[in-house]
Amino acid sequence: MKTPYGSYNLSIDGNIARMRFVGMFNAATTELFVKEFKVLLEQFGDKPFLVLGDLLELEGATPEAYAMINDFNTWVNTRNMVAKALLIENKIIAQIARHRVESVRFQNIRYFSNNDEALAWFEQLQKQQIAS
């Protein structure tokens, strides 16, 4: 969805929920994202799923938006998310996000610079689950 303050795309590909962010996010755009992504994730029911977030074009977010993302991730922590891979190159944004979104500390999360590395990690995790 494109808004005056950032845009995002959400989709499901198998057991992977994908999200892509572009621009700067405020509370209004974040509220729209949270509502839509919750509906998307609820489609998994109790089945395990993965999240792939493309933050390569994210410019940042307001403090209110980060607070909403923290609350959203607290909710995500109650779901059956196996892991989250975030594509990000801007170290400053990554540092701010880690500081403001404390709920991700309870997630199996890794940061990557490209899609292929993230998908390879997901594949490795799924092989480990099958072997267990």
N, C-alpha and C. Protein backbone atom coordinates (compact mmCIF):
# COMPACT_ATOMS: atom_id res chain seq x y z
N MET A 1 0.84 -1.18 0.00
CA MET A 1 0.00 0.00 0.00
C MET A 1 0.88 1.24 0.00
N LYS A 2 0.55 2.19 -0.85
CA LYS A 2 1.31 3.44 -0.93
C LYS A 2 0.55 4.51 -0.16
N THR A 3 1.24 5.20 0.72
CA THR A 3 0.65 6.28 1.49
C THR A 3 1.58 7.50 1.37
N PRO A 4 1.14 8.66 1.82
CA PRO A 4 2.04 9.82 1.78
C PRO A 4 3.29 9.63 2.66
N TYR A 5 3.19 8.72 3.64
CA TYR A 5 4.31 8.49 4.55
C TYR A 5 4.74 7.04 4.48
N GLY A 6 5.43 6.68 3.43
CA GLY A 6 5.94 5.33 3.28
C GLY A 6 4.96 4.44 2.54
N SER A 7 5.50 3.37 2.01
CA SER A 7 4.66 2.37 1.35
C SER A 7 5.15 0.99 1.75
N TYR A 8 4.26 0.03 1.60
CA TYR A 8 4.61 -1.34 1.95
C TYR A 8 3.85 -2.31 1.07
N ASN A 9 4.43 -3.50 0.92
CA ASN A 9 3.81 -4.60 0.20
C ASN A 9 3.84 -5.81 1.11
N LEU A 10 2.74 -6.55 1.14
CA LEU A 10 2.64 -7.75 1.96
C LEU A 10 2.17 -8.90 1.08
N SER A 11 2.72 -10.09 1.33
CA SER A 11 2.29 -11.26 0.57
C SER A 11 2.67 -12.52 1.33
N ILE A 12 2.08 -13.63 0.89
CA ILE A 12 2.44 -14.94 1.43
C ILE A 12 2.95 -15.78 0.27
N ASP A 13 4.06 -16.46 0.51
CA ASP A 13 4.65 -17.37 -0.46
C ASP A 13 4.92 -18.68 0.27
N GLY A 14 3.99 -19.65 0.15
CA GLY A 14 4.12 -20.90 0.91
C GLY A 14 3.97 -20.62 2.39
N ASN A 15 5.01 -20.93 3.17
CA ASN A 15 4.96 -20.67 4.61
C ASN A 15 5.76 -19.42 5.00
N ILE A 16 6.02 -18.56 4.00
CA ILE A 16 6.78 -17.33 4.25
C ILE A 16 5.86 -16.12 4.06
N ALA A 17 5.75 -15.33 5.12
CA ALA A 17 5.05 -14.05 5.03
C ALA A 17 6.09 -13.01 4.66
N ARG A 18 5.83 -12.30 3.58
CA ARG A 18 6.79 -11.30 3.09
C ARG A 18 6.25 -9.89 3.33
N MET A 19 7.16 -9.00 3.70
CA MET A 19 6.83 -7.59 3.86
C MET A 19 7.97 -6.77 3.30
N ARG A 20 7.62 -5.68 2.64
CA ARG A 20 8.62 -4.79 2.05
C ARG A 20 8.22 -3.36 2.38
N PHE A 21 9.18 -2.59 2.86
CA PHE A 21 8.92 -1.21 3.26
C PHE A 21 9.78 -0.25 2.44
N VAL A 22 9.17 0.88 2.07
CA VAL A 22 9.87 1.92 1.33
C VAL A 22 9.52 3.26 1.96
N GLY A 23 10.54 4.05 2.25
CA GLY A 23 10.31 5.40 2.75
C GLY A 23 10.31 5.51 4.26
N MET A 24 9.67 6.59 4.72
CA MET A 24 9.60 6.93 6.14
C MET A 24 8.21 6.61 6.65
N PHE A 25 8.10 5.98 7.83
CA PHE A 25 6.81 5.55 8.36
C PHE A 25 6.40 6.39 9.55
N ASN A 26 5.13 6.78 9.55
CA ASN A 26 4.54 7.46 10.70
C ASN A 26 3.53 6.52 11.34
N ALA A 27 2.84 7.00 12.37
CA ALA A 27 1.89 6.14 13.09
C ALA A 27 0.72 5.71 12.21
N ALA A 28 0.22 6.59 11.36
CA ALA A 28 -0.94 6.25 10.52
C ALA A 28 -0.60 5.12 9.54
N THR A 29 0.53 5.22 8.88
CA THR A 29 0.94 4.17 7.94
C THR A 29 1.23 2.88 8.69
N THR A 30 1.87 2.98 9.84
CA THR A 30 2.18 1.79 10.63
C THR A 30 0.92 1.11 11.11
N GLU A 31 -0.08 1.88 11.49
CA GLU A 31 -1.34 1.30 11.93
C GLU A 31 -1.99 0.49 10.80
N LEU A 32 -1.95 1.02 9.58
CA LEU A 32 -2.49 0.30 8.42
C LEU A 32 -1.72 -1.00 8.19
N PHE A 33 -0.39 -0.90 8.24
CA PHE A 33 0.45 -2.08 8.05
C PHE A 33 0.13 -3.15 9.09
N VAL A 34 0.07 -2.76 10.37
CA VAL A 34 -0.16 -3.72 11.45
C VAL A 34 -1.49 -4.45 11.24
N LYS A 35 -2.54 -3.72 10.93
CA LYS A 35 -3.85 -4.34 10.71
C LYS A 35 -3.80 -5.33 9.56
N GLU A 36 -3.21 -4.94 8.45
CA GLU A 36 -3.15 -5.82 7.27
C GLU A 36 -2.26 -7.03 7.52
N PHE A 37 -1.13 -6.83 8.18
CA PHE A 37 -0.20 -7.95 8.37
C PHE A 37 -0.76 -8.95 9.38
N LYS A 38 -1.50 -8.46 10.39
CA LYS A 38 -2.13 -9.39 11.33
C LYS A 38 -3.11 -10.31 10.60
N VAL A 39 -3.92 -9.73 9.72
CA VAL A 39 -4.87 -10.53 8.94
C VAL A 39 -4.11 -11.56 8.11
N LEU A 40 -3.02 -11.14 7.50
CA LEU A 40 -2.22 -12.05 6.68
C LEU A 40 -1.65 -13.19 7.52
N LEU A 41 -1.07 -12.86 8.68
CA LEU A 41 -0.46 -13.88 9.53
C LEU A 41 -1.50 -14.82 10.13
N GLU A 42 -2.69 -14.33 10.37
CA GLU A 42 -3.74 -15.19 10.92
C GLU A 42 -4.15 -16.29 9.94
N GLN A 43 -3.82 -16.12 8.67
CA GLN A 43 -4.11 -17.16 7.68
C GLN A 43 -3.32 -18.44 7.96
N PHE A 44 -2.21 -18.31 8.67
CA PHE A 44 -1.41 -19.50 9.01
C PHE A 44 -2.05 -20.32 10.12
N GLY A 45 -2.96 -19.72 10.86
CA GLY A 45 -3.57 -20.43 11.98
C GLY A 45 -2.49 -20.83 12.97
N ASP A 46 -2.46 -22.13 13.32
CA ASP A 46 -1.44 -22.64 14.25
C ASP A 46 -0.22 -23.20 13.53
N LYS A 47 -0.21 -23.13 12.22
CA LYS A 47 0.92 -23.67 11.45
C LYS A 47 2.16 -22.79 11.62
N PRO A 48 3.33 -23.40 11.64
CA PRO A 48 4.56 -22.61 11.73
C PRO A 48 4.78 -21.80 10.45
N PHE A 49 5.36 -20.62 10.61
CA PHE A 49 5.63 -19.76 9.46
C PHE A 49 6.92 -18.98 9.68
N LEU A 50 7.39 -18.40 8.60
CA LEU A 50 8.59 -17.58 8.59
C LEU A 50 8.21 -16.18 8.12
N VAL A 51 8.99 -15.18 8.50
CA VAL A 51 8.76 -13.82 8.04
C VAL A 51 10.03 -13.31 7.37
N LEU A 52 9.86 -12.77 6.16
CA LEU A 52 10.97 -12.16 5.42
C LEU A 52 10.63 -10.70 5.21
N GLY A 53 11.41 -9.83 5.82
CA GLY A 53 11.17 -8.39 5.72
C GLY A 53 12.26 -7.71 4.92
N ASP A 54 11.85 -7.00 3.88
CA ASP A 54 12.78 -6.23 3.05
C ASP A 54 12.75 -4.78 3.53
N LEU A 55 13.80 -4.39 4.24
CA LEU A 55 13.91 -3.04 4.78
C LEU A 55 15.00 -2.24 4.06
N LEU A 56 15.39 -2.71 2.88
CA LEU A 56 16.50 -2.08 2.16
C LEU A 56 16.20 -0.64 1.78
N GLU A 57 14.92 -0.31 1.58
CA GLU A 57 14.56 1.06 1.19
C GLU A 57 13.81 1.80 2.30
N LEU A 58 13.83 1.24 3.50
CA LEU A 58 13.21 1.90 4.64
C LEU A 58 14.11 3.05 5.07
N GLU A 59 13.51 4.23 5.24
CA GLU A 59 14.27 5.41 5.64
C GLU A 59 14.17 5.67 7.13
N GLY A 60 13.23 5.01 7.79
CA GLY A 60 13.08 5.20 9.23
C GLY A 60 11.62 5.27 9.62
N ALA A 61 11.39 5.59 10.89
CA ALA A 61 10.03 5.67 11.42
C ALA A 61 10.01 6.63 12.59
N THR A 62 8.82 7.14 12.86
CA THR A 62 8.65 8.04 14.00
C THR A 62 8.67 7.21 15.29
N PRO A 63 8.91 7.86 16.43
CA PRO A 63 8.86 7.12 17.71
C PRO A 63 7.52 6.40 17.91
N GLU A 64 6.41 7.04 17.51
CA GLU A 64 5.10 6.41 17.65
C GLU A 64 5.00 5.15 16.79
N ALA A 65 5.55 5.21 15.59
CA ALA A 65 5.53 4.05 14.71
C ALA A 65 6.34 2.91 15.31
N TYR A 66 7.50 3.21 15.86
CA TYR A 66 8.32 2.16 16.49
C TYR A 66 7.57 1.54 17.67
N ALA A 67 6.87 2.35 18.45
CA ALA A 67 6.09 1.81 19.59
C ALA A 67 5.01 0.85 19.09
N MET A 68 4.37 1.19 17.99
CA MET A 68 3.33 0.33 17.43
C MET A 68 3.94 -0.97 16.91
N ILE A 69 5.11 -0.88 16.30
CA ILE A 69 5.80 -2.09 15.81
C ILE A 69 6.22 -2.97 16.98
N ASN A 70 6.62 -2.35 18.08
CA ASN A 70 6.97 -3.14 19.26
C ASN A 70 5.75 -3.91 19.77
N ASP A 71 4.60 -3.24 19.86
CA ASP A 71 3.37 -3.91 20.29
C ASP A 71 2.99 -5.03 19.31
N PHE A 72 3.13 -4.75 18.03
CA PHE A 72 2.81 -5.75 17.02
C PHE A 72 3.70 -6.98 17.18
N ASN A 73 4.99 -6.77 17.40
CA ASN A 73 5.91 -7.90 17.56
C ASN A 73 5.64 -8.67 18.84
N THR A 74 5.13 -8.00 19.86
CA THR A 74 4.71 -8.71 21.07
C THR A 74 3.58 -9.68 20.71
N TRP A 75 2.64 -9.24 19.88
CA TRP A 75 1.57 -10.12 19.40
C TRP A 75 2.15 -11.25 18.55
N VAL A 76 3.07 -10.93 17.65
CA VAL A 76 3.70 -11.95 16.79
C VAL A 76 4.34 -13.03 17.65
N ASN A 77 4.91 -12.63 18.78
CA ASN A 77 5.56 -13.59 19.68
C ASN A 77 4.59 -14.62 20.25
N THR A 78 3.30 -14.37 20.16
CA THR A 78 2.30 -15.33 20.62
C THR A 78 1.87 -16.28 19.50
N ARG A 79 2.35 -16.06 18.32
CA ARG A 79 2.01 -16.88 17.15
C ARG A 79 3.10 -17.95 16.97
N ASN A 80 2.96 -18.74 15.94
CA ASN A 80 3.90 -19.84 15.71
C ASN A 80 4.97 -19.46 14.68
N MET A 81 5.58 -18.27 14.87
CA MET A 81 6.64 -17.85 13.96
C MET A 81 7.93 -18.59 14.32
N VAL A 82 8.50 -19.24 13.32
CA VAL A 82 9.75 -19.99 13.51
C VAL A 82 10.93 -19.05 13.52
N ALA A 83 10.95 -18.12 12.55
CA ALA A 83 12.09 -17.22 12.41
C ALA A 83 11.71 -16.02 11.56
N LYS A 84 12.52 -14.97 11.71
CA LYS A 84 12.35 -13.76 10.91
C LYS A 84 13.70 -13.37 10.33
N ALA A 85 13.72 -13.12 9.03
CA ALA A 85 14.91 -12.63 8.35
C ALA A 85 14.63 -11.23 7.86
N LEU A 86 15.49 -10.30 8.17
CA LEU A 86 15.33 -8.92 7.72
C LEU A 86 16.47 -8.54 6.80
N LEU A 87 16.11 -8.00 5.65
CA LEU A 87 17.09 -7.49 4.71
C LEU A 87 17.30 -6.02 5.03
N ILE A 88 18.50 -5.68 5.42
CA ILE A 88 18.78 -4.29 5.78
C ILE A 88 20.27 -4.03 5.63
N GLU A 89 20.59 -2.87 5.08
CA GLU A 89 21.99 -2.49 4.94
C GLU A 89 22.33 -1.26 5.78
N ASN A 90 21.31 -0.44 6.09
CA ASN A 90 21.52 0.78 6.85
C ASN A 90 21.69 0.41 8.33
N LYS A 91 22.92 0.44 8.79
CA LYS A 91 23.24 0.02 10.16
C LYS A 91 22.60 0.93 11.21
N ILE A 92 22.43 2.21 10.88
CA ILE A 92 21.83 3.14 11.84
C ILE A 92 20.37 2.80 12.07
N ILE A 93 19.63 2.56 10.99
CA ILE A 93 18.22 2.18 11.13
C ILE A 93 18.10 0.86 11.88
N ALA A 94 18.97 -0.08 11.58
CA ALA A 94 18.95 -1.37 12.28
C ALA A 94 19.18 -1.18 13.78
N GLN A 95 20.13 -0.33 14.13
CA GLN A 95 20.44 -0.07 15.54
C GLN A 95 19.26 0.60 16.25
N ILE A 96 18.65 1.59 15.60
CA ILE A 96 17.49 2.27 16.20
C ILE A 96 16.35 1.28 16.39
N ALA A 97 16.09 0.48 15.37
CA ALA A 97 14.99 -0.49 15.45
C ALA A 97 15.22 -1.49 16.58
N ARG A 98 16.43 -2.01 16.70
CA ARG A 98 16.72 -2.97 17.77
C ARG A 98 16.51 -2.34 19.15
N HIS A 99 16.83 -1.07 19.26
CA HIS A 99 16.67 -0.37 20.54
C HIS A 99 15.20 -0.10 20.85
N ARG A 100 14.43 0.31 19.86
CA ARG A 100 13.03 0.73 20.08
C ARG A 100 12.03 -0.43 20.02
N VAL A 101 12.40 -1.52 19.36
CA VAL A 101 11.49 -2.66 19.22
C VAL A 101 12.05 -3.81 20.05
N GLU A 102 11.92 -3.67 21.36
CA GLU A 102 12.52 -4.62 22.29
C GLU A 102 11.90 -6.02 22.19
N SER A 103 10.68 -6.12 21.71
CA SER A 103 9.99 -7.42 21.64
C SER A 103 10.67 -8.39 20.68
N VAL A 104 11.52 -7.89 19.78
CA VAL A 104 12.19 -8.81 18.85
C VAL A 104 13.30 -9.61 19.54
N ARG A 105 13.64 -9.22 20.77
CA ARG A 105 14.66 -9.98 21.49
C ARG A 105 14.23 -11.42 21.74
N PHE A 106 12.93 -11.67 21.68
CA PHE A 106 12.39 -13.00 21.94
C PHE A 106 12.15 -13.78 20.64
N GLN A 107 12.64 -13.25 19.53
CA GLN A 107 12.43 -13.88 18.23
C GLN A 107 13.75 -14.46 17.71
N ASN A 108 13.60 -15.49 16.90
CA ASN A 108 14.73 -16.05 16.16
C ASN A 108 14.89 -15.18 14.92
N ILE A 109 15.75 -14.17 15.04
CA ILE A 109 15.85 -13.14 13.99
C ILE A 109 17.29 -12.98 13.54
N ARG A 110 17.45 -12.81 12.24
CA ARG A 110 18.78 -12.55 11.68
C ARG A 110 18.66 -11.47 10.63
N TYR A 111 19.77 -10.79 10.40
CA TYR A 111 19.82 -9.69 9.44
C TYR A 111 20.71 -10.09 8.26
N PHE A 112 20.22 -9.77 7.06
CA PHE A 112 20.93 -10.13 5.84
C PHE A 112 20.97 -8.94 4.90
N SER A 113 21.90 -9.00 3.94
CA SER A 113 21.99 -7.93 2.96
C SER A 113 21.30 -8.29 1.64
N ASN A 114 20.91 -9.58 1.49
CA ASN A 114 20.21 -9.94 0.25
C ASN A 114 19.25 -11.10 0.49
N ASN A 115 18.32 -11.21 -0.43
CA ASN A 115 17.23 -12.18 -0.37
C ASN A 115 17.74 -13.62 -0.38
N ASP A 116 18.73 -13.92 -1.22
CA ASP A 116 19.24 -15.29 -1.34
C ASP A 116 19.81 -15.82 -0.03
N GLU A 117 20.55 -14.98 0.69
CA GLU A 117 21.10 -15.40 1.99
C GLU A 117 19.99 -15.71 2.98
N ALA A 118 18.97 -14.87 3.00
CA ALA A 118 17.84 -15.06 3.93
C ALA A 118 17.11 -16.36 3.61
N LEU A 119 16.84 -16.60 2.33
CA LEU A 119 16.13 -17.82 1.93
C LEU A 119 16.96 -19.07 2.21
N ALA A 120 18.28 -18.97 2.07
CA ALA A 120 19.16 -20.10 2.39
C ALA A 120 19.08 -20.42 3.88
N TRP A 121 19.02 -19.38 4.72
CA TRP A 121 18.88 -19.59 6.16
C TRP A 121 17.55 -20.27 6.48
N PHE A 122 16.48 -19.80 5.84
CA PHE A 122 15.17 -20.43 6.04
C PHE A 122 15.21 -21.91 5.65
N GLU A 123 15.84 -22.20 4.53
CA GLU A 123 15.94 -23.59 4.06
C GLU A 123 16.69 -24.43 5.08
N GLN A 124 17.77 -23.89 5.62
CA GLN A 124 18.55 -24.59 6.64
C GLN A 124 17.69 -24.86 7.88
N LEU A 125 16.92 -23.87 8.31
CA LEU A 125 16.06 -24.04 9.48
C LEU A 125 15.01 -25.11 9.24
N GLN A 126 14.44 -25.13 8.05
CA GLN A 126 13.40 -26.12 7.75
C GLN A 126 13.97 -27.52 7.69
N LYS A 127 15.20 -27.67 7.19
CA LYS A 127 15.86 -28.98 7.19
C LYS A 127 16.11 -29.45 8.62
N GLN A 128 16.50 -28.53 9.49
CA GLN A 128 16.74 -28.87 10.88
C GLN A 128 15.45 -29.31 11.57
N GLN A 129 14.34 -28.65 11.24
CA GLN A 129 13.06 -29.03 11.84
C GLN A 129 12.65 -30.43 11.38
N ILE A 130 12.87 -30.72 10.13
CA ILE A 130 12.50 -32.05 9.60
C ILE A 130 13.34 -33.13 10.26
N ALA A 131 14.63 -32.82 10.48
CA ALA A 131 15.54 -33.80 11.09
C ALA A 131 15.23 -34.03 12.57
N SER A 132 14.59 -33.07 13.20
CA SER A 132 14.30 -33.18 14.65
C SER A 132 13.19 -34.15 14.94
